[in-house]
Amino acid sequence: MVDTPAIKLSITGTGCGDPTIPATCVNMATNATAQQNLAAQIAKYQNDLEPLKIYPILSFGVAYELPHPVEDRTLMQKGRFP
């Protein structure tokens, strides 16, 4: 992969400083402060992910072949042992 991971966040709903006082509630989707805070958080996350721009794709495997019983019997009959 050769690209910076992208983050997309949005905020909706109502946020209240004090839920018992309705006047402190704001629409988070249209509130400038909430949107600025969200943009700052996205920028921080994007900066944190910057080192992941390029990473190698590695693969590792191990294989083992079990002896075949018919082949072993044939070799033993011929006097050859595996």
N, C-alpha and C. Protein backbone atom coordinates (compact mmCIF):
# COMPACT_ATOMS: atom_id res chain seq x y z
N MET A 1 0.85 -1.18 0.00
CA MET A 1 0.00 0.00 0.00
C MET A 1 0.89 1.23 0.00
N VAL A 2 0.57 2.17 -0.83
CA VAL A 2 1.34 3.41 -0.89
C VAL A 2 0.34 4.55 -0.91
N ASP A 3 -0.21 4.84 0.23
CA ASP A 3 -1.17 5.94 0.35
C ASP A 3 -1.42 6.18 1.82
N THR A 4 -1.71 7.42 2.16
CA THR A 4 -2.01 7.74 3.54
C THR A 4 -3.45 7.33 3.85
N PRO A 5 -3.66 6.62 4.95
CA PRO A 5 -5.04 6.28 5.32
C PRO A 5 -5.86 7.55 5.51
N ALA A 6 -7.10 7.52 5.12
CA ALA A 6 -7.97 8.69 5.22
C ALA A 6 -8.98 8.50 6.33
N ILE A 7 -9.30 9.59 6.99
CA ILE A 7 -10.29 9.57 8.05
C ILE A 7 -11.43 10.50 7.66
N LYS A 8 -12.64 10.02 7.83
CA LYS A 8 -13.80 10.85 7.57
C LYS A 8 -14.74 10.71 8.77
N LEU A 9 -14.98 11.81 9.42
CA LEU A 9 -15.87 11.84 10.58
C LEU A 9 -16.89 12.95 10.40
N SER A 10 -18.05 12.73 10.96
CA SER A 10 -19.06 13.79 10.99
C SER A 10 -19.74 13.74 12.35
N ILE A 11 -20.34 14.83 12.69
CA ILE A 11 -21.01 14.92 13.99
C ILE A 11 -22.42 15.44 13.78
N THR A 12 -23.36 14.78 14.39
CA THR A 12 -24.77 15.20 14.32
C THR A 12 -25.39 15.10 15.70
N GLY A 13 -26.56 15.60 15.80
CA GLY A 13 -27.27 15.51 17.07
C GLY A 13 -27.17 16.80 17.87
N THR A 14 -27.58 16.70 19.10
CA THR A 14 -27.59 17.86 19.99
C THR A 14 -26.61 17.64 21.12
N GLY A 15 -25.83 18.68 21.40
CA GLY A 15 -24.91 18.64 22.53
C GLY A 15 -25.33 19.68 23.55
N CYS A 16 -25.35 19.27 24.80
CA CYS A 16 -25.79 20.18 25.87
C CYS A 16 -24.70 20.31 26.92
N GLY A 17 -24.41 21.57 27.28
CA GLY A 17 -23.46 21.81 28.36
C GLY A 17 -24.04 21.34 29.68
N ASP A 18 -25.28 21.68 29.91
CA ASP A 18 -26.01 21.26 31.11
C ASP A 18 -27.38 20.79 30.64
N PRO A 19 -27.63 19.50 30.63
CA PRO A 19 -28.89 18.98 30.08
C PRO A 19 -30.14 19.51 30.79
N THR A 20 -29.98 20.04 31.97
CA THR A 20 -31.17 20.55 32.68
C THR A 20 -31.53 21.96 32.23
N ILE A 21 -30.63 22.60 31.46
CA ILE A 21 -30.89 23.95 30.95
C ILE A 21 -30.95 23.88 29.42
N PRO A 22 -32.13 23.86 28.83
CA PRO A 22 -32.24 23.71 27.37
C PRO A 22 -31.51 24.78 26.57
N ALA A 23 -31.31 25.94 27.11
CA ALA A 23 -30.65 27.02 26.37
C ALA A 23 -29.19 26.70 26.07
N THR A 24 -28.58 25.76 26.80
CA THR A 24 -27.18 25.41 26.56
C THR A 24 -27.02 24.33 25.49
N CYS A 25 -28.12 23.82 24.97
CA CYS A 25 -28.06 22.78 23.94
C CYS A 25 -27.88 23.42 22.56
N VAL A 26 -27.02 22.80 21.75
CA VAL A 26 -26.77 23.29 20.39
C VAL A 26 -26.82 22.14 19.40
N ASN A 27 -27.12 22.46 18.16
CA ASN A 27 -27.08 21.49 17.08
C ASN A 27 -25.62 21.30 16.69
N MET A 28 -25.08 20.11 16.90
CA MET A 28 -23.66 19.87 16.67
C MET A 28 -23.29 19.95 15.19
N ALA A 29 -24.22 19.66 14.30
CA ALA A 29 -23.94 19.70 12.87
C ALA A 29 -23.76 21.12 12.35
N THR A 30 -24.36 22.10 13.03
CA THR A 30 -24.29 23.48 12.56
C THR A 30 -23.50 24.39 13.49
N ASN A 31 -23.09 23.89 14.64
CA ASN A 31 -22.35 24.71 15.60
C ASN A 31 -20.90 24.87 15.14
N ALA A 32 -20.46 26.12 14.97
CA ALA A 32 -19.11 26.40 14.45
C ALA A 32 -18.02 25.85 15.37
N THR A 33 -18.19 26.00 16.66
CA THR A 33 -17.17 25.52 17.61
C THR A 33 -17.05 24.00 17.55
N ALA A 34 -18.17 23.32 17.50
CA ALA A 34 -18.15 21.86 17.43
C ALA A 34 -17.48 21.40 16.13
N GLN A 35 -17.78 22.07 15.04
CA GLN A 35 -17.18 21.70 13.76
C GLN A 35 -15.68 21.98 13.73
N GLN A 36 -15.25 23.09 14.36
CA GLN A 36 -13.82 23.40 14.45
C GLN A 36 -13.09 22.36 15.30
N ASN A 37 -13.72 21.97 16.40
CA ASN A 37 -13.11 20.94 17.26
C ASN A 37 -13.01 19.61 16.53
N LEU A 38 -14.04 19.29 15.77
CA LEU A 38 -14.02 18.05 14.99
C LEU A 38 -12.92 18.10 13.93
N ALA A 39 -12.79 19.22 13.23
CA ALA A 39 -11.74 19.38 12.21
C ALA A 39 -10.36 19.25 12.84
N ALA A 40 -10.17 19.81 14.03
CA ALA A 40 -8.89 19.70 14.73
C ALA A 40 -8.60 18.25 15.11
N GLN A 41 -9.62 17.52 15.54
CA GLN A 41 -9.43 16.11 15.91
C GLN A 41 -9.11 15.26 14.68
N ILE A 42 -9.78 15.53 13.57
CA ILE A 42 -9.49 14.81 12.32
C ILE A 42 -8.05 15.06 11.90
N ALA A 43 -7.60 16.32 11.99
CA ALA A 43 -6.21 16.66 11.63
C ALA A 43 -5.23 15.91 12.53
N LYS A 44 -5.54 15.80 13.81
CA LYS A 44 -4.66 15.07 14.74
C LYS A 44 -4.60 13.59 14.37
N TYR A 45 -5.76 12.98 14.11
CA TYR A 45 -5.79 11.57 13.72
C TYR A 45 -5.03 11.35 12.41
N GLN A 46 -5.23 12.27 11.45
CA GLN A 46 -4.55 12.16 10.16
C GLN A 46 -3.04 12.23 10.36
N ASN A 47 -2.59 13.12 11.22
CA ASN A 47 -1.17 13.25 11.53
C ASN A 47 -0.64 11.98 12.20
N ASP A 48 -1.44 11.40 13.10
CA ASP A 48 -1.04 10.16 13.77
C ASP A 48 -0.90 9.00 12.79
N LEU A 49 -1.69 9.01 11.72
CA LEU A 49 -1.65 7.93 10.74
C LEU A 49 -0.62 8.15 9.64
N GLU A 50 0.00 9.30 9.59
CA GLU A 50 0.98 9.62 8.55
C GLU A 50 2.09 8.57 8.44
N PRO A 51 2.63 8.05 9.55
CA PRO A 51 3.69 7.02 9.42
C PRO A 51 3.22 5.75 8.71
N LEU A 52 1.93 5.53 8.62
CA LEU A 52 1.41 4.32 7.98
C LEU A 52 1.24 4.50 6.47
N LYS A 53 1.82 5.55 5.92
CA LYS A 53 1.67 5.84 4.49
C LYS A 53 2.13 4.66 3.64
N ILE A 54 3.28 4.09 3.98
CA ILE A 54 3.82 2.98 3.20
C ILE A 54 4.15 1.85 4.17
N TYR A 55 3.67 0.69 3.85
CA TYR A 55 4.06 -0.46 4.64
C TYR A 55 4.20 -1.66 3.71
N PRO A 56 5.15 -2.52 3.98
CA PRO A 56 5.34 -3.68 3.11
C PRO A 56 4.29 -4.75 3.41
N ILE A 57 4.00 -5.52 2.41
CA ILE A 57 3.11 -6.66 2.59
C ILE A 57 4.01 -7.89 2.62
N LEU A 58 4.05 -8.54 3.75
CA LEU A 58 4.92 -9.69 3.93
C LEU A 58 4.09 -10.96 4.04
N SER A 59 4.70 -12.04 3.62
CA SER A 59 4.06 -13.34 3.73
C SER A 59 5.10 -14.35 4.18
N PHE A 60 4.70 -15.26 5.03
CA PHE A 60 5.61 -16.26 5.55
C PHE A 60 4.85 -17.57 5.63
N GLY A 61 5.49 -18.64 5.24
CA GLY A 61 4.82 -19.94 5.30
C GLY A 61 5.80 -21.05 5.64
N VAL A 62 5.27 -22.12 6.18
CA VAL A 62 6.04 -23.31 6.51
C VAL A 62 5.27 -24.50 5.96
N ALA A 63 5.99 -25.44 5.35
CA ALA A 63 5.34 -26.64 4.81
C ALA A 63 6.09 -27.87 5.28
N TYR A 64 5.36 -28.92 5.49
CA TYR A 64 5.94 -30.20 5.88
C TYR A 64 5.18 -31.29 5.15
N GLU A 65 5.91 -32.19 4.53
CA GLU A 65 5.26 -33.27 3.80
C GLU A 65 5.37 -34.55 4.62
N LEU A 66 4.23 -35.15 4.89
CA LEU A 66 4.21 -36.42 5.61
C LEU A 66 4.58 -37.54 4.65
N PRO A 67 5.29 -38.54 5.15
CA PRO A 67 5.66 -39.66 4.28
C PRO A 67 4.41 -40.40 3.79
N HIS A 68 4.47 -40.83 2.54
CA HIS A 68 3.34 -41.55 1.95
C HIS A 68 3.49 -43.03 2.32
N PRO A 69 2.49 -43.66 2.93
CA PRO A 69 2.63 -45.04 3.41
C PRO A 69 2.90 -46.05 2.29
N VAL A 70 2.32 -45.88 1.12
CA VAL A 70 2.53 -46.84 0.02
C VAL A 70 3.96 -46.75 -0.48
N GLU A 71 4.50 -45.56 -0.64
CA GLU A 71 5.88 -45.39 -1.09
C GLU A 71 6.85 -46.00 -0.07
N ASP A 72 6.60 -45.78 1.23
CA ASP A 72 7.47 -46.33 2.27
C ASP A 72 7.47 -47.85 2.22
N ARG A 73 6.32 -48.46 2.02
CA ARG A 73 6.20 -49.92 1.98
C ARG A 73 6.96 -50.47 0.77
N THR A 74 6.84 -49.79 -0.38
CA THR A 74 7.53 -50.22 -1.59
C THR A 74 9.05 -50.15 -1.39
N LEU A 75 9.53 -49.08 -0.80
CA LEU A 75 10.96 -48.94 -0.56
C LEU A 75 11.47 -49.99 0.43
N MET A 76 10.67 -50.30 1.42
CA MET A 76 11.07 -51.29 2.42
C MET A 76 11.13 -52.69 1.78
N GLN A 77 10.20 -52.97 0.86
CA GLN A 77 10.20 -54.27 0.19
C GLN A 77 11.44 -54.41 -0.70
N LYS A 78 11.93 -53.32 -1.22
CA LYS A 78 13.12 -53.35 -2.07
C LYS A 78 14.40 -53.28 -1.24
N GLY A 79 14.26 -53.21 0.07
CA GLY A 79 15.44 -53.19 0.92
C GLY A 79 15.98 -51.78 1.15
N ARG A 80 15.24 -50.76 0.72
CA ARG A 80 15.66 -49.38 0.95
C ARG A 80 14.76 -48.80 2.02
N PHE A 81 15.37 -48.19 3.00
CA PHE A 81 14.58 -47.58 4.07
C PHE A 81 14.58 -46.08 3.92
N PRO A 82 13.44 -45.48 4.11
CA PRO A 82 13.38 -44.00 3.96
C PRO A 82 14.12 -43.29 5.06
